[in-house]
Each structure stands twice: as C-alpha cells, then as structure tokens.
Amino acid sequence: MRKTKIISLLLVISGILVLIVGIGMVQTGFASFDDTEPRVGLYIGGIFTIIGGVFLTIAGIMIFFDFKKKLIRMVGKVANAVEEERKQEK
C-alpha cells in the first residue's frame, strides 16, 4: 500500500473519531460529572469539533480516491470552455 493511501486512511479514521467526540460534547454539554448545569462553551466547541471531523473525513476520502487531480482537471476544462465561449462572442 502506498504512503498516500495509508495517510488518507488515517485521516478518515481520525475524522470519524473526532466526529464521535464532537457529537458526545454536544449531546452531554457537561465538562465533568460534578457539574449540574451544561456549559455553553462545550456546545460551541462540540460544533466546531464536528465541523473539523467532517473536513478530516472528506479530505481523507479525496486523497484516497485521488479526487483532487480530477477536480483540478474539471475546473481547468470549465475555464477553457468559458474562455473559448468569450472568444467566439467577440
């Protein structure tokens, strides 16, 4: 297995773990077992943790399936098509 595949799998696994932690933070909202009231900071931190986990997972999937090169090619083709259309209009 290539090095990039291993790194991408680690990104996906860590992204899923971060998602689980973020969901736990949002659902509980408690900093410790001694607290009686939930903390607003944990809700906000949990939301940002979930967003980070989603980005990690998406980045790992993009690297694993090599979507980055395909995406760059697609954007290049769209740019070339727009440029050709501008030339034809003139």
C-alpha atoms as a PDB file:
ATOM      1  CA  MET A   1       0.000   0.000   0.000  1.00  0.00           C
ATOM      2  CA  ARG A   2       1.322   3.404  -0.915  1.00  0.00           C
ATOM      3  CA  LYS A   3       2.140   6.041   1.662  1.00  0.00           C
ATOM      4  CA  THR A   4      -0.669   8.344   0.494  1.00  0.00           C
ATOM      5  CA  LYS A   5      -3.247   5.580   0.920  1.00  0.00           C
ATOM      6  CA  ILE A   6      -2.111   4.954   4.498  1.00  0.00           C
ATOM      7  CA  ILE A   7      -2.223   8.666   5.302  1.00  0.00           C
ATOM      8  CA  SER A   8      -5.681   9.020   3.781  1.00  0.00           C
ATOM      9  CA  LEU A   9      -6.997   6.062   5.773  1.00  0.00           C
ATOM     10  CA  LEU A  10      -5.559   7.593   8.945  1.00  0.00           C
ATOM     11  CA  LEU A  11      -7.284  10.880   8.076  1.00  0.00           C
ATOM     12  CA  VAL A  12     -10.623   9.132   7.634  1.00  0.00           C
ATOM     13  CA  ILE A  13     -10.268   7.159  10.871  1.00  0.00           C
ATOM     14  CA  SER A  14      -9.215  10.226  12.871  1.00  0.00           C
ATOM     15  CA  GLY A  15     -12.026  12.252  11.290  1.00  0.00           C
ATOM     16  CA  ILE A  16     -14.584   9.685  12.387  1.00  0.00           C
ATOM     17  CA  LEU A  17     -13.142   9.654  15.914  1.00  0.00           C
ATOM     18  CA  VAL A  18     -13.253  13.458  16.059  1.00  0.00           C
ATOM     19  CA  LEU A  19     -16.864  13.361  14.868  1.00  0.00           C
ATOM     20  CA  ILE A  20     -17.782  10.932  17.652  1.00  0.00           C
ATOM     21  CA  VAL A  21     -16.089  13.136  20.259  1.00  0.00           C
ATOM     22  CA  GLY A  22     -17.831  16.239  18.916  1.00  0.00           C
ATOM     23  CA  ILE A  23     -21.230  14.564  18.992  1.00  0.00           C
ATOM     24  CA  GLY A  24     -20.569  13.484  22.574  1.00  0.00           C
ATOM     25  CA  MET A  25     -19.618  17.043  23.519  1.00  0.00           C
ATOM     26  CA  VAL A  26     -22.778  18.484  22.012  1.00  0.00           C
ATOM     27  CA  GLN A  27     -25.082  15.854  23.493  1.00  0.00           C
ATOM     28  CA  THR A  28     -23.756  15.972  27.035  1.00  0.00           C
ATOM     29  CA  GLY A  29     -22.623  19.582  27.382  1.00  0.00           C
ATOM     30  CA  PHE A  30     -21.023  18.814  30.731  1.00  0.00           C
ATOM     31  CA  ALA A  31     -17.340  19.408  31.493  1.00  0.00           C
ATOM     32  CA  SER A  32     -17.250  16.807  34.275  1.00  0.00           C
ATOM     33  CA  PHE A  33     -19.556  14.621  36.306  1.00  0.00           C
ATOM     34  CA  ASP A  34     -19.656  17.188  39.147  1.00  0.00           C
ATOM     35  CA  ASP A  35     -21.302  19.905  37.063  1.00  0.00           C
ATOM     36  CA  THR A  36     -25.015  20.386  37.437  1.00  0.00           C
ATOM     37  CA  GLU A  37     -25.543  22.755  34.518  1.00  0.00           C
ATOM     38  CA  PRO A  38     -24.327  22.395  30.941  1.00  0.00           C
ATOM     39  CA  ARG A  39     -21.709  24.784  29.640  1.00  0.00           C
ATOM     40  CA  VAL A  40     -22.339  26.826  26.507  1.00  0.00           C
ATOM     41  CA  GLY A  41     -18.656  26.637  25.558  1.00  0.00           C
ATOM     42  CA  LEU A  42     -18.851  22.884  25.224  1.00  0.00           C
ATOM     43  CA  TYR A  43     -21.764  23.174  22.811  1.00  0.00           C
ATOM     44  CA  ILE A  44     -19.865  25.654  20.663  1.00  0.00           C
ATOM     45  CA  GLY A  45     -16.659  23.610  20.910  1.00  0.00           C
ATOM     46  CA  GLY A  46     -18.576  20.470  20.028  1.00  0.00           C
ATOM     47  CA  ILE A  47     -19.997  22.085  16.910  1.00  0.00           C
ATOM     48  CA  PHE A  48     -16.535  23.181  15.778  1.00  0.00           C
ATOM     49  CA  THR A  49     -15.209  19.698  16.569  1.00  0.00           C
ATOM     50  CA  ILE A  50     -17.897  18.143  14.387  1.00  0.00           C
ATOM     51  CA  ILE A  51     -17.026  20.527  11.538  1.00  0.00           C
ATOM     52  CA  GLY A  52     -13.334  19.626  11.879  1.00  0.00           C
ATOM     53  CA  GLY A  53     -14.156  15.917  11.851  1.00  0.00           C
ATOM     54  CA  VAL A  54     -16.180  16.336   8.675  1.00  0.00           C
ATOM     55  CA  PHE A  55     -13.303  18.176   6.991  1.00  0.00           C
ATOM     56  CA  LEU A  56     -10.824  15.492   8.051  1.00  0.00           C
ATOM     57  CA  THR A  57     -13.049  12.734   6.719  1.00  0.00           C
ATOM     58  CA  ILE A  58     -13.705  14.484   3.406  1.00  0.00           C
ATOM     59  CA  ALA A  59     -10.000  15.253   2.941  1.00  0.00           C
ATOM     60  CA  GLY A  60      -9.099  11.618   3.594  1.00  0.00           C
ATOM     61  CA  ILE A  61     -11.664  10.398   1.088  1.00  0.00           C
ATOM     62  CA  MET A  62     -10.492  12.916  -1.517  1.00  0.00           C
ATOM     63  CA  ILE A  63      -6.880  11.822  -1.115  1.00  0.00           C
ATOM     64  CA  PHE A  64      -7.776   8.116  -1.106  1.00  0.00           C
ATOM     65  CA  PHE A  65      -9.760   8.239  -4.341  1.00  0.00           C
ATOM     66  CA  ASP A  66      -7.499  10.891  -5.904  1.00  0.00           C
ATOM     67  CA  PHE A  67     -10.361  13.357  -6.369  1.00  0.00           C
ATOM     68  CA  LYS A  68      -8.001  16.318  -6.130  1.00  0.00           C
ATOM     69  CA  LYS A  69      -6.470  15.727  -9.574  1.00  0.00           C
ATOM     70  CA  LYS A  70      -9.869  15.028 -11.104  1.00  0.00           C
ATOM     71  CA  LEU A  71     -11.295  18.187  -9.548  1.00  0.00           C
ATOM     72  CA  ILE A  72      -8.411  20.307 -10.846  1.00  0.00           C
ATOM     73  CA  ARG A  73      -8.845  18.851 -14.348  1.00  0.00           C
ATOM     74  CA  MET A  74     -12.581  19.532 -14.270  1.00  0.00           C
ATOM     75  CA  VAL A  75     -12.063  23.155 -13.173  1.00  0.00           C
ATOM     76  CA  GLY A  76      -9.452  23.556 -15.926  1.00  0.00           C
ATOM     77  CA  LYS A  77     -11.866  22.248 -18.555  1.00  0.00           C
ATOM     78  CA  VAL A  78     -14.582  24.621 -17.359  1.00  0.00           C
ATOM     79  CA  ALA A  79     -12.153  27.557 -17.505  1.00  0.00           C
ATOM     80  CA  ASN A  80     -11.104  26.586 -21.040  1.00  0.00           C
ATOM     81  CA  ALA A  81     -14.740  26.308 -22.136  1.00  0.00           C
ATOM     82  CA  VAL A  82     -15.531  29.768 -20.729  1.00  0.00           C
ATOM     83  CA  GLU A  83     -12.501  31.227 -22.484  1.00  0.00           C
ATOM     84  CA  GLU A  84     -13.498  29.642 -25.807  1.00  0.00           C
ATOM     85  CA  GLU A  85     -17.019  30.997 -25.435  1.00  0.00           C
ATOM     86  CA  ARG A  86     -15.677  34.512 -24.831  1.00  0.00           C
ATOM     87  CA  LYS A  87     -13.509  34.272 -27.942  1.00  0.00           C
ATOM     88  CA  GLN A  88     -16.477  33.181 -30.043  1.00  0.00           C
ATOM     89  CA  GLU A  89     -18.626  36.068 -28.792  1.00  0.00           C
ATOM     90  CA  LYS A  90     -16.035  38.656 -29.894  1.00  0.00           C
END
